[in-house]
Structure formats: C-alpha cells, structure tokens
Amino acid sequence: MTLSETLLLILSVLGIFTTIIIITRVFGLRTFAKMSSFDFASTVAIGSVLASVILNSDYSILKGGIALATIIGFQTVFAFLVRKSDFFKKIFTNKPQIIMWNGKILHEKLKSCNVSEDDLIAKLREANVHDFNDVKAVTFESTGDISVIHNSKQKAVDYRMFTDVNTDHLHV
C-alpha cells in the first residue's frame, strides 16, 4: 500500500465519519436513543471496517488497522475538542430540549424533537407520574432519551439541572 493510498484511506474514513455525524444531526437522534451522533458514527464506521476486512479479500488487515486507528484517533481528538471548545460542542452535539414545563406540554418542541404526545405520556407513566401538575420538566436529552423531573410537593427544581438545556422562552 502506497503513502497516497494510505492518505486516501484516512481521508475516506474522515469523510464518511463526518457525513454520518451530519446526517444524524440533521435527521435527529430519535432512532438512536442512548447514543450521540458521534457515538453512532463511530459504531457504524467501526462495523463497516470490520465487515470490509472480513468479507472483502481486497481489503487487507493493514488497511483495516489503519482505518480503525484513524477512527479511534479521530474519536479521541473529536471528544477532546467537544470537551474543550464551546464552538465544537455547539456544532457537533445536540442541546437537550424542554418538551414539557410546569405541567404543560410544549407541542412545538415535541414536533421539533420528533416526539409524539403518546411517547411523552408513556415516559410520564414510566416515571410514575400521576398528574401533569406534578411534572416540573421533561427534557429530550442529547442522547434521544427523555428525562422526567416531578414531585407532588410543589418543590422548585434547582436551576443547575438546566445549565446545558435549551430553556428559551421559559422562566427557570
């Protein structure tokens, strides 16, 4: 394998990886609950490389090793940049969204998160909510999961619970 073939392989991995992240950011995480778009891209890319090495006789172990090392190296650099740079975090991670606030369902937020009211109510049942008025907040997390904060004692929720959440137009 020549140096130019190696560089082309590395660029292909980075290109397809970036494409997968963009696709999951544009179309949402609903089908990839519990995974960030980056986790999903990593999983797909690694699976693809492994399948190619196993099934394709033209795809050598060396090429597969380089591709896997590139993916893992990219993953490490990406995680570092997201952790250290607000710019990268804003571009490459989904911000959690409030979809229910103080007992009121925010239908526009449900729609933008591609969550049905039935899905929301199922999550409320899972959280053992007895009355909408007991719900302080429901958050559609960056992983695609739904978190429910509720109590029947009318206790206020600590504002720090929402430091990374999109709370536009809410009084937190």
N, C-alpha and C. Protein backbone atom coordinates (compact mmCIF):
# COMPACT_ATOMS: atom_id res chain seq x y z
N MET A 1 0.85 -1.17 0.00
CA MET A 1 0.00 0.00 0.00
C MET A 1 0.90 1.24 0.00
N THR A 2 0.64 2.13 -0.92
CA THR A 2 1.47 3.33 -1.04
C THR A 2 1.02 4.40 -0.05
N LEU A 3 1.84 5.43 0.11
CA LEU A 3 1.52 6.54 1.00
C LEU A 3 0.27 7.26 0.53
N SER A 4 0.13 7.45 -0.77
CA SER A 4 -1.06 8.14 -1.29
C SER A 4 -2.32 7.30 -1.04
N GLU A 5 -2.23 5.97 -1.17
CA GLU A 5 -3.37 5.10 -0.87
C GLU A 5 -3.73 5.18 0.61
N THR A 6 -2.71 5.25 1.46
CA THR A 6 -2.94 5.35 2.91
C THR A 6 -3.63 6.67 3.24
N LEU A 7 -3.16 7.77 2.66
CA LEU A 7 -3.78 9.08 2.90
C LEU A 7 -5.21 9.12 2.37
N LEU A 8 -5.44 8.52 1.21
CA LEU A 8 -6.78 8.46 0.65
C LEU A 8 -7.71 7.67 1.56
N LEU A 9 -7.22 6.57 2.11
CA LEU A 9 -8.00 5.76 3.04
C LEU A 9 -8.36 6.57 4.29
N ILE A 10 -7.39 7.28 4.85
CA ILE A 10 -7.65 8.09 6.05
C ILE A 10 -8.66 9.19 5.74
N LEU A 11 -8.51 9.85 4.60
CA LEU A 11 -9.46 10.90 4.22
C LEU A 11 -10.86 10.33 3.98
N SER A 12 -10.95 9.12 3.42
CA SER A 12 -12.25 8.48 3.21
C SER A 12 -12.94 8.21 4.53
N VAL A 13 -12.18 7.71 5.50
CA VAL A 13 -12.75 7.43 6.82
C VAL A 13 -13.27 8.74 7.44
N LEU A 14 -12.45 9.77 7.40
CA LEU A 14 -12.87 11.05 7.98
C LEU A 14 -14.08 11.61 7.23
N GLY A 15 -14.11 11.45 5.91
CA GLY A 15 -15.23 11.94 5.12
C GLY A 15 -16.53 11.24 5.44
N ILE A 16 -16.51 9.91 5.48
CA ILE A 16 -17.74 9.16 5.75
C ILE A 16 -18.18 9.37 7.19
N PHE A 17 -17.21 9.47 8.09
CA PHE A 17 -17.50 9.71 9.50
C PHE A 17 -18.22 11.05 9.67
N THR A 18 -17.69 12.08 9.02
CA THR A 18 -18.30 13.41 9.09
C THR A 18 -19.69 13.40 8.47
N THR A 19 -19.86 12.68 7.38
CA THR A 19 -21.16 12.57 6.72
C THR A 19 -22.18 11.93 7.66
N ILE A 20 -21.80 10.87 8.34
CA ILE A 20 -22.71 10.19 9.27
C ILE A 20 -23.12 11.15 10.39
N ILE A 21 -22.17 11.91 10.94
CA ILE A 21 -22.48 12.86 12.01
C ILE A 21 -23.47 13.91 11.50
N ILE A 22 -23.23 14.44 10.32
CA ILE A 22 -24.12 15.47 9.76
C ILE A 22 -25.52 14.90 9.55
N ILE A 23 -25.61 13.70 9.01
CA ILE A 23 -26.91 13.09 8.77
C ILE A 23 -27.68 12.91 10.07
N THR A 24 -27.01 12.42 11.12
CA THR A 24 -27.72 12.22 12.39
C THR A 24 -28.08 13.55 13.05
N ARG A 25 -27.28 14.59 12.84
CA ARG A 25 -27.62 15.92 13.38
C ARG A 25 -28.84 16.49 12.66
N VAL A 26 -28.90 16.32 11.34
CA VAL A 26 -30.00 16.87 10.56
C VAL A 26 -31.29 16.11 10.82
N PHE A 27 -31.24 14.79 10.83
CA PHE A 27 -32.46 13.99 10.94
C PHE A 27 -32.81 13.62 12.37
N GLY A 28 -31.98 13.97 13.32
CA GLY A 28 -32.31 13.75 14.73
C GLY A 28 -31.85 12.42 15.26
N LEU A 29 -31.96 12.31 16.56
CA LEU A 29 -31.46 11.13 17.25
C LEU A 29 -32.56 10.16 17.64
N ARG A 30 -33.77 10.42 17.24
CA ARG A 30 -34.90 9.63 17.72
C ARG A 30 -34.68 8.13 17.56
N THR A 31 -34.10 7.72 16.46
CA THR A 31 -33.92 6.29 16.24
C THR A 31 -32.64 5.75 16.87
N PHE A 32 -31.83 6.63 17.42
CA PHE A 32 -30.56 6.20 18.02
C PHE A 32 -30.53 6.52 19.51
N ALA A 33 -31.64 6.33 20.19
CA ALA A 33 -31.71 6.67 21.61
C ALA A 33 -30.53 6.07 22.36
N LYS A 34 -30.03 6.82 23.30
CA LYS A 34 -28.89 6.47 24.14
C LYS A 34 -27.55 6.63 23.44
N MET A 35 -27.54 7.13 22.23
CA MET A 35 -26.28 7.36 21.51
C MET A 35 -26.23 8.79 21.03
N SER A 36 -25.08 9.41 21.14
CA SER A 36 -24.90 10.71 20.49
C SER A 36 -24.66 10.44 19.01
N SER A 37 -24.74 11.49 18.20
CA SER A 37 -24.49 11.30 16.77
C SER A 37 -23.07 10.82 16.54
N PHE A 38 -22.15 11.27 17.38
CA PHE A 38 -20.76 10.85 17.25
C PHE A 38 -20.60 9.37 17.62
N ASP A 39 -21.27 8.93 18.69
CA ASP A 39 -21.23 7.50 19.07
C ASP A 39 -21.78 6.63 17.94
N PHE A 40 -22.87 7.09 17.35
CA PHE A 40 -23.47 6.33 16.27
C PHE A 40 -22.52 6.23 15.09
N ALA A 41 -21.92 7.37 14.72
CA ALA A 41 -20.99 7.38 13.59
C ALA A 41 -19.81 6.44 13.86
N SER A 42 -19.29 6.46 15.08
CA SER A 42 -18.18 5.57 15.45
C SER A 42 -18.58 4.11 15.31
N THR A 43 -19.75 3.79 15.81
CA THR A 43 -20.22 2.41 15.75
C THR A 43 -20.37 1.93 14.31
N VAL A 44 -21.00 2.76 13.48
CA VAL A 44 -21.19 2.40 12.08
C VAL A 44 -19.85 2.26 11.37
N ALA A 45 -18.96 3.22 11.58
CA ALA A 45 -17.66 3.21 10.89
C ALA A 45 -16.84 1.99 11.29
N ILE A 46 -16.78 1.70 12.57
CA ILE A 46 -16.01 0.53 13.03
C ILE A 46 -16.62 -0.75 12.49
N GLY A 47 -17.94 -0.84 12.53
CA GLY A 47 -18.62 -2.03 12.00
C GLY A 47 -18.36 -2.21 10.51
N SER A 48 -18.37 -1.11 9.79
CA SER A 48 -18.12 -1.16 8.36
C SER A 48 -16.71 -1.63 8.05
N VAL A 49 -15.74 -1.10 8.78
CA VAL A 49 -14.34 -1.50 8.56
C VAL A 49 -14.17 -2.98 8.88
N LEU A 50 -14.72 -3.41 10.00
CA LEU A 50 -14.60 -4.82 10.37
C LEU A 50 -15.23 -5.73 9.32
N ALA A 51 -16.42 -5.35 8.85
CA ALA A 51 -17.10 -6.15 7.83
C ALA A 51 -16.28 -6.18 6.54
N SER A 52 -15.71 -5.05 6.17
CA SER A 52 -14.91 -4.98 4.94
C SER A 52 -13.68 -5.87 5.03
N VAL A 53 -13.02 -5.86 6.17
CA VAL A 53 -11.82 -6.69 6.34
C VAL A 53 -12.19 -8.16 6.28
N ILE A 54 -13.30 -8.50 6.90
CA ILE A 54 -13.71 -9.91 6.95
C ILE A 54 -14.22 -10.40 5.59
N LEU A 55 -15.02 -9.59 4.91
CA LEU A 55 -15.72 -10.05 3.71
C LEU A 55 -15.01 -9.75 2.39
N ASN A 56 -14.10 -8.79 2.37
CA ASN A 56 -13.50 -8.35 1.12
C ASN A 56 -12.03 -8.75 1.08
N SER A 57 -11.69 -9.61 0.16
CA SER A 57 -10.30 -10.07 0.08
C SER A 57 -9.35 -8.97 -0.37
N ASP A 58 -9.86 -7.91 -1.02
CA ASP A 58 -9.01 -6.80 -1.45
C ASP A 58 -8.71 -5.83 -0.31
N TYR A 59 -9.39 -6.00 0.80
CA TYR A 59 -9.25 -5.07 1.92
C TYR A 59 -8.38 -5.76 2.97
N SER A 60 -7.11 -5.40 3.02
CA SER A 60 -6.16 -6.11 3.87
C SER A 60 -6.31 -5.75 5.35
N ILE A 61 -5.72 -6.59 6.18
CA ILE A 61 -5.69 -6.33 7.62
C ILE A 61 -4.97 -5.01 7.88
N LEU A 62 -3.93 -4.72 7.12
CA LEU A 62 -3.20 -3.47 7.29
C LEU A 62 -4.11 -2.27 7.02
N LYS A 63 -4.86 -2.33 5.91
CA LYS A 63 -5.79 -1.24 5.61
C LYS A 63 -6.84 -1.12 6.71
N GLY A 64 -7.36 -2.25 7.13
CA GLY A 64 -8.36 -2.24 8.21
C GLY A 64 -7.79 -1.66 9.50
N GLY A 65 -6.56 -2.03 9.82
CA GLY A 65 -5.91 -1.50 11.01
C GLY A 65 -5.70 0.00 10.93
N ILE A 66 -5.29 0.46 9.75
CA ILE A 66 -5.10 1.91 9.57
C ILE A 66 -6.44 2.63 9.70
N ALA A 67 -7.47 2.07 9.07
CA ALA A 67 -8.79 2.69 9.14
C ALA A 67 -9.30 2.73 10.58
N LEU A 68 -9.16 1.62 11.32
CA LEU A 68 -9.60 1.60 12.72
C LEU A 68 -8.80 2.57 13.57
N ALA A 69 -7.48 2.62 13.37
CA ALA A 69 -6.64 3.56 14.12
C ALA A 69 -7.06 5.00 13.81
N THR A 70 -7.41 5.27 12.55
CA THR A 70 -7.86 6.61 12.16
C THR A 70 -9.17 6.95 12.85
N ILE A 71 -10.10 6.00 12.85
CA ILE A 71 -11.40 6.23 13.51
C ILE A 71 -11.21 6.51 15.00
N ILE A 72 -10.43 5.68 15.65
CA ILE A 72 -10.23 5.84 17.09
C ILE A 72 -9.44 7.12 17.39
N GLY A 73 -8.47 7.42 16.56
CA GLY A 73 -7.72 8.67 16.72
C GLY A 73 -8.63 9.88 16.53
N PHE A 74 -9.46 9.83 15.49
CA PHE A 74 -10.41 10.91 15.23
C PHE A 74 -11.38 11.04 16.39
N GLN A 75 -11.85 9.91 16.90
CA GLN A 75 -12.79 9.90 18.03
C GLN A 75 -12.15 10.56 19.26
N THR A 76 -10.89 10.28 19.52
CA THR A 76 -10.19 10.86 20.66
C THR A 76 -10.03 12.36 20.49
N VAL A 77 -9.60 12.79 19.31
CA VAL A 77 -9.43 14.23 19.04
C VAL A 77 -10.78 14.94 19.11
N PHE A 78 -11.80 14.33 18.51
CA PHE A 78 -13.14 14.91 18.50
C PHE A 78 -13.66 15.08 19.93
N ALA A 79 -13.55 14.04 20.75
CA ALA A 79 -14.03 14.11 22.13
C ALA A 79 -13.30 15.21 22.89
N PHE A 80 -12.00 15.34 22.66
CA PHE A 80 -11.21 16.39 23.31
C PHE A 80 -11.71 17.77 22.87
N LEU A 81 -11.92 17.97 21.57
CA LEU A 81 -12.37 19.26 21.06
C LEU A 81 -13.76 19.63 21.57
N VAL A 82 -14.66 18.66 21.63
CA VAL A 82 -16.01 18.92 22.13
C VAL A 82 -15.96 19.29 23.61
N ARG A 83 -15.08 18.63 24.35
CA ARG A 83 -14.95 18.88 25.78
C ARG A 83 -14.31 20.24 26.06
N LYS A 84 -13.38 20.65 25.22
CA LYS A 84 -12.60 21.87 25.47
C LYS A 84 -13.09 23.10 24.72
N SER A 85 -13.87 22.94 23.67
CA SER A 85 -14.26 24.07 22.83
C SER A 85 -15.78 24.19 22.76
N ASP A 86 -16.31 25.33 23.22
CA ASP A 86 -17.75 25.57 23.12
C ASP A 86 -18.21 25.60 21.67
N PHE A 87 -17.35 26.09 20.77
CA PHE A 87 -17.67 26.14 19.36
C PHE A 87 -17.94 24.73 18.81
N PHE A 88 -17.04 23.78 19.07
CA PHE A 88 -17.21 22.40 18.60
C PHE A 88 -18.41 21.75 19.28
N LYS A 89 -18.58 22.00 20.57
CA LYS A 89 -19.71 21.42 21.29
C LYS A 89 -21.02 21.89 20.68
N LYS A 90 -21.10 23.18 20.36
CA LYS A 90 -22.33 23.73 19.78
C LYS A 90 -22.62 23.14 18.41
N ILE A 91 -21.59 22.97 17.60
CA ILE A 91 -21.77 22.46 16.24
C ILE A 91 -22.09 20.96 16.21
N PHE A 92 -21.41 20.18 17.04
CA PHE A 92 -21.46 18.73 16.89
C PHE A 92 -22.30 17.98 17.91
N THR A 93 -22.88 18.68 18.88
CA THR A 93 -23.72 17.96 19.84
C THR A 93 -25.10 18.61 19.88
N ASN A 94 -26.10 17.79 20.10
CA ASN A 94 -27.46 18.29 20.22
C ASN A 94 -27.66 18.82 21.63
N LYS A 95 -28.32 19.96 21.74
CA LYS A 95 -28.61 20.54 23.03
C LYS A 95 -29.92 19.94 23.53
N PRO A 96 -29.96 19.48 24.78
CA PRO A 96 -31.22 18.95 25.31
C PRO A 96 -32.34 19.99 25.21
N GLN A 97 -33.56 19.52 24.98
CA GLN A 97 -34.72 20.40 24.79
C GLN A 97 -35.78 20.12 25.84
N ILE A 98 -36.40 21.17 26.37
CA ILE A 98 -37.53 21.02 27.29
C ILE A 98 -38.77 20.77 26.43
N ILE A 99 -39.48 19.66 26.68
CA ILE A 99 -40.68 19.36 25.90
C ILE A 99 -41.96 19.43 26.75
N MET A 100 -41.78 19.58 28.06
CA MET A 100 -42.92 19.80 28.97
C MET A 100 -42.40 20.62 30.12
N TRP A 101 -43.17 21.64 30.52
CA TRP A 101 -42.71 22.56 31.55
C TRP A 101 -43.87 22.91 32.48
N ASN A 102 -43.67 22.70 33.77
CA ASN A 102 -44.68 23.02 34.79
C ASN A 102 -46.06 22.48 34.43
N GLY A 103 -46.11 21.22 34.04
CA GLY A 103 -47.38 20.56 33.76
C GLY A 103 -47.96 20.82 32.38
N LYS A 104 -47.30 21.64 31.57
CA LYS A 104 -47.81 21.97 30.24
C LYS A 104 -46.94 21.34 29.16
N ILE A 105 -47.59 20.64 28.24
CA ILE A 105 -46.87 20.04 27.11
C ILE A 105 -46.53 21.14 26.11
N LEU A 106 -45.29 21.19 25.68
CA LEU A 106 -44.84 22.18 24.69
C LEU A 106 -44.89 21.51 23.32
N HIS A 107 -46.02 21.63 22.66
CA HIS A 107 -46.28 20.89 21.42
C HIS A 107 -45.30 21.24 20.30
N GLU A 108 -44.90 22.50 20.20
CA GLU A 108 -43.93 22.87 19.16
C GLU A 108 -42.58 22.18 19.40
N LYS A 109 -42.18 22.07 20.67
CA LYS A 109 -40.91 21.40 20.99
C LYS A 109 -41.04 19.90 20.72
N LEU A 110 -42.20 19.32 21.04
CA LEU A 110 -42.42 17.90 20.72
C LEU A 110 -42.21 17.67 19.23
N LYS A 111 -42.82 18.55 18.44
CA LYS A 111 -42.74 18.43 16.98
C LYS A 111 -41.30 18.55 16.50
N SER A 112 -40.57 19.55 17.01
CA SER A 112 -39.19 19.76 16.55
C SER A 112 -38.26 18.62 16.98
N CYS A 113 -38.62 17.92 18.06
CA CYS A 113 -37.81 16.79 18.52
C CYS A 113 -38.30 15.46 17.94
N ASN A 114 -39.38 15.50 17.15
CA ASN A 114 -39.96 14.30 16.55
C ASN A 114 -40.42 13.30 17.61
N VAL A 115 -41.06 13.83 18.65
CA VAL A 115 -41.61 13.02 19.74
C VAL A 115 -43.12 13.20 19.72
N SER A 116 -43.85 12.10 19.77
CA SER A 116 -45.30 12.20 19.79
C SER A 116 -45.78 12.41 21.23
N GLU A 117 -46.98 12.92 21.36
CA GLU A 117 -47.57 13.08 22.69
C GLU A 117 -47.72 11.72 23.36
N ASP A 118 -48.04 10.69 22.59
CA ASP A 118 -48.14 9.33 23.15
C ASP A 118 -46.81 8.87 23.73
N ASP A 119 -45.69 9.16 23.03
CA ASP A 119 -44.36 8.80 23.55
C ASP A 119 -44.09 9.53 24.86
N LEU A 120 -44.44 10.81 24.90
CA LEU A 120 -44.24 11.61 26.11
C LEU A 120 -45.04 11.03 27.27
N ILE A 121 -46.30 10.73 27.02
CA ILE A 121 -47.16 10.19 28.08
C ILE A 121 -46.65 8.83 28.54
N ALA A 122 -46.14 8.02 27.64
CA ALA A 122 -45.56 6.73 28.03
C ALA A 122 -44.38 6.95 28.98
N LYS A 123 -43.54 7.95 28.69
CA LYS A 123 -42.40 8.26 29.58
C LYS A 123 -42.89 8.77 30.93
N LEU A 124 -43.97 9.53 30.93
CA LEU A 124 -44.54 10.01 32.20
C LEU A 124 -45.03 8.82 33.03
N ARG A 125 -45.65 7.85 32.37
CA ARG A 125 -46.09 6.65 33.09
C ARG A 125 -44.90 5.89 33.64
N GLU A 126 -43.84 5.75 32.83
CA GLU A 126 -42.62 5.07 33.30
C GLU A 126 -42.05 5.74 34.54
N ALA A 127 -42.17 7.08 34.60
CA ALA A 127 -41.63 7.84 35.72
C ALA A 127 -42.62 7.89 36.89
N ASN A 128 -43.73 7.16 36.77
CA ASN A 128 -44.73 7.07 37.82
C ASN A 128 -45.39 8.42 38.12
N VAL A 129 -45.62 9.21 37.07
CA VAL A 129 -46.31 10.48 37.22
C VAL A 129 -47.81 10.20 37.29
N HIS A 130 -48.47 10.80 38.29
CA HIS A 130 -49.91 10.59 38.48
C HIS A 130 -50.73 11.75 37.95
N ASP A 131 -50.10 12.93 37.86
CA ASP A 131 -50.83 14.14 37.48
C ASP A 131 -49.87 15.06 36.73
N PHE A 132 -50.34 15.60 35.61
CA PHE A 132 -49.49 16.53 34.84
C PHE A 132 -49.00 17.69 35.71
N ASN A 133 -49.82 18.13 36.67
CA ASN A 133 -49.44 19.25 37.52
C ASN A 133 -48.23 18.94 38.40
N ASP A 134 -47.90 17.66 38.57
CA ASP A 134 -46.72 17.28 39.36
C ASP A 134 -45.44 17.35 38.53
N VAL A 135 -45.57 17.48 37.21
CA VAL A 135 -44.40 17.49 36.33
C VAL A 135 -43.78 18.88 36.33
N LYS A 136 -42.51 18.94 36.71
CA LYS A 136 -41.77 20.20 36.69
C LYS A 136 -41.15 20.41 35.32
N ALA A 137 -40.54 19.36 34.77
CA ALA A 137 -39.91 19.47 33.46
C ALA A 137 -39.73 18.09 32.86
N VAL A 138 -39.85 18.03 31.54
CA VAL A 138 -39.49 16.83 30.79
C VAL A 138 -38.48 17.29 29.75
N THR A 139 -37.35 16.61 29.71
CA THR A 139 -36.27 17.00 28.82
C THR A 139 -36.00 15.91 27.80
N PHE A 140 -35.93 16.31 26.53
CA PHE A 140 -35.48 15.42 25.46
C PHE A 140 -33.96 15.57 25.42
N GLU A 141 -33.25 14.56 25.91
CA GLU A 141 -31.80 14.63 26.10
C GLU A 141 -31.05 14.54 24.78
N SER A 142 -29.79 14.91 24.82
CA SER A 142 -28.96 14.88 23.61
C SER A 142 -28.75 13.46 23.10
N THR A 143 -29.00 12.47 23.94
CA THR A 143 -28.87 11.07 23.54
C THR A 143 -30.14 10.52 22.89
N GLY A 144 -31.22 11.32 22.91
CA GLY A 144 -32.50 10.86 22.39
C GLY A 144 -33.40 10.29 23.47
N ASP A 145 -32.91 10.20 24.69
CA ASP A 145 -33.71 9.71 25.80
C ASP A 145 -34.58 10.85 26.34
N ILE A 146 -35.57 10.51 27.15
CA ILE A 146 -36.46 11.50 27.75
C ILE A 146 -36.36 11.39 29.27
N SER A 147 -36.07 12.53 29.92
CA SER A 147 -35.95 12.59 31.38
C SER A 147 -37.14 13.34 31.95
N VAL A 148 -37.67 12.84 33.07
CA VAL A 148 -38.83 13.45 33.72
C VAL A 148 -38.44 13.89 35.12
N ILE A 149 -38.69 15.17 35.44
CA ILE A 149 -38.49 15.68 36.80
C ILE A 149 -39.87 16.01 37.34
N HIS A 150 -40.23 15.37 38.45
CA HIS A 150 -41.56 15.61 39.01
C HIS A 150 -41.55 15.43 40.52
N ASN A 151 -42.52 16.08 41.15
CA ASN A 151 -42.80 15.87 42.58
C ASN A 151 -44.18 16.43 42.87
N SER A 152 -44.81 15.92 43.90
CA SER A 152 -46.16 16.37 44.24
C SER A 152 -46.15 17.39 45.37
N LYS A 153 -44.97 17.78 45.83
CA LYS A 153 -44.86 18.71 46.95
C LYS A 153 -44.64 20.15 46.49
N GLN A 154 -44.74 20.39 45.20
CA GLN A 154 -44.53 21.72 44.62
C GLN A 154 -43.16 22.30 44.95
N LYS A 155 -42.18 21.41 45.12
CA LYS A 155 -40.81 21.87 45.33
C LYS A 155 -40.25 22.41 44.02
N ALA A 156 -39.50 23.49 44.14
CA ALA A 156 -38.87 24.07 42.95
C ALA A 156 -37.70 23.19 42.53
N VAL A 157 -37.37 23.24 41.25
CA VAL A 157 -36.25 22.49 40.70
C VAL A 157 -35.02 23.41 40.68
N ASP A 158 -33.90 22.90 41.13
CA ASP A 158 -32.66 23.67 41.14
C ASP A 158 -32.30 24.05 39.70
N TYR A 159 -32.06 25.32 39.47
CA TYR A 159 -31.77 25.81 38.11
C TYR A 159 -30.56 25.12 37.49
N ARG A 160 -29.64 24.59 38.31
CA ARG A 160 -28.45 23.93 37.76
C ARG A 160 -28.80 22.67 36.98
N MET A 161 -29.99 22.16 37.19
CA MET A 161 -30.44 20.98 36.43
C MET A 161 -30.56 21.31 34.94
N PHE A 162 -30.61 22.60 34.61
CA PHE A 162 -30.86 23.01 33.23
C PHE A 162 -29.72 23.81 32.62
N THR A 163 -28.51 23.69 33.16
CA THR A 163 -27.40 24.51 32.67
C THR A 163 -27.06 24.22 31.20
N ASP A 164 -27.24 22.99 30.74
CA ASP A 164 -26.91 22.66 29.34
C ASP A 164 -28.14 22.48 28.47
N VAL A 165 -29.32 22.85 28.99
CA VAL A 165 -30.58 22.62 28.30
C VAL A 165 -31.07 23.89 27.63
N ASN A 166 -31.68 23.74 26.46
CA ASN A 166 -32.28 24.88 25.78
C ASN A 166 -33.55 25.28 26.53
N THR A 167 -33.48 26.41 27.26
CA THR A 167 -34.62 26.88 28.04
C THR A 167 -35.17 28.19 27.49
N ASP A 168 -34.97 28.42 26.18
CA ASP A 168 -35.50 29.63 25.57
C ASP A 168 -37.00 29.76 25.87
N HIS A 169 -37.44 30.96 26.23
CA HIS A 169 -38.83 31.29 26.47
C HIS A 169 -39.42 30.63 27.72
N LEU A 170 -38.55 30.11 28.59
CA LEU A 170 -39.01 29.53 29.86
C LEU A 170 -38.46 30.35 31.00
N HIS A 171 -39.16 30.34 32.11
CA HIS A 171 -38.67 31.03 33.31
C HIS A 171 -38.08 29.97 34.24
N VAL A 172 -36.76 29.86 34.18
CA VAL A 172 -36.07 28.84 35.00
C VAL A 172 -35.52 29.50 36.23
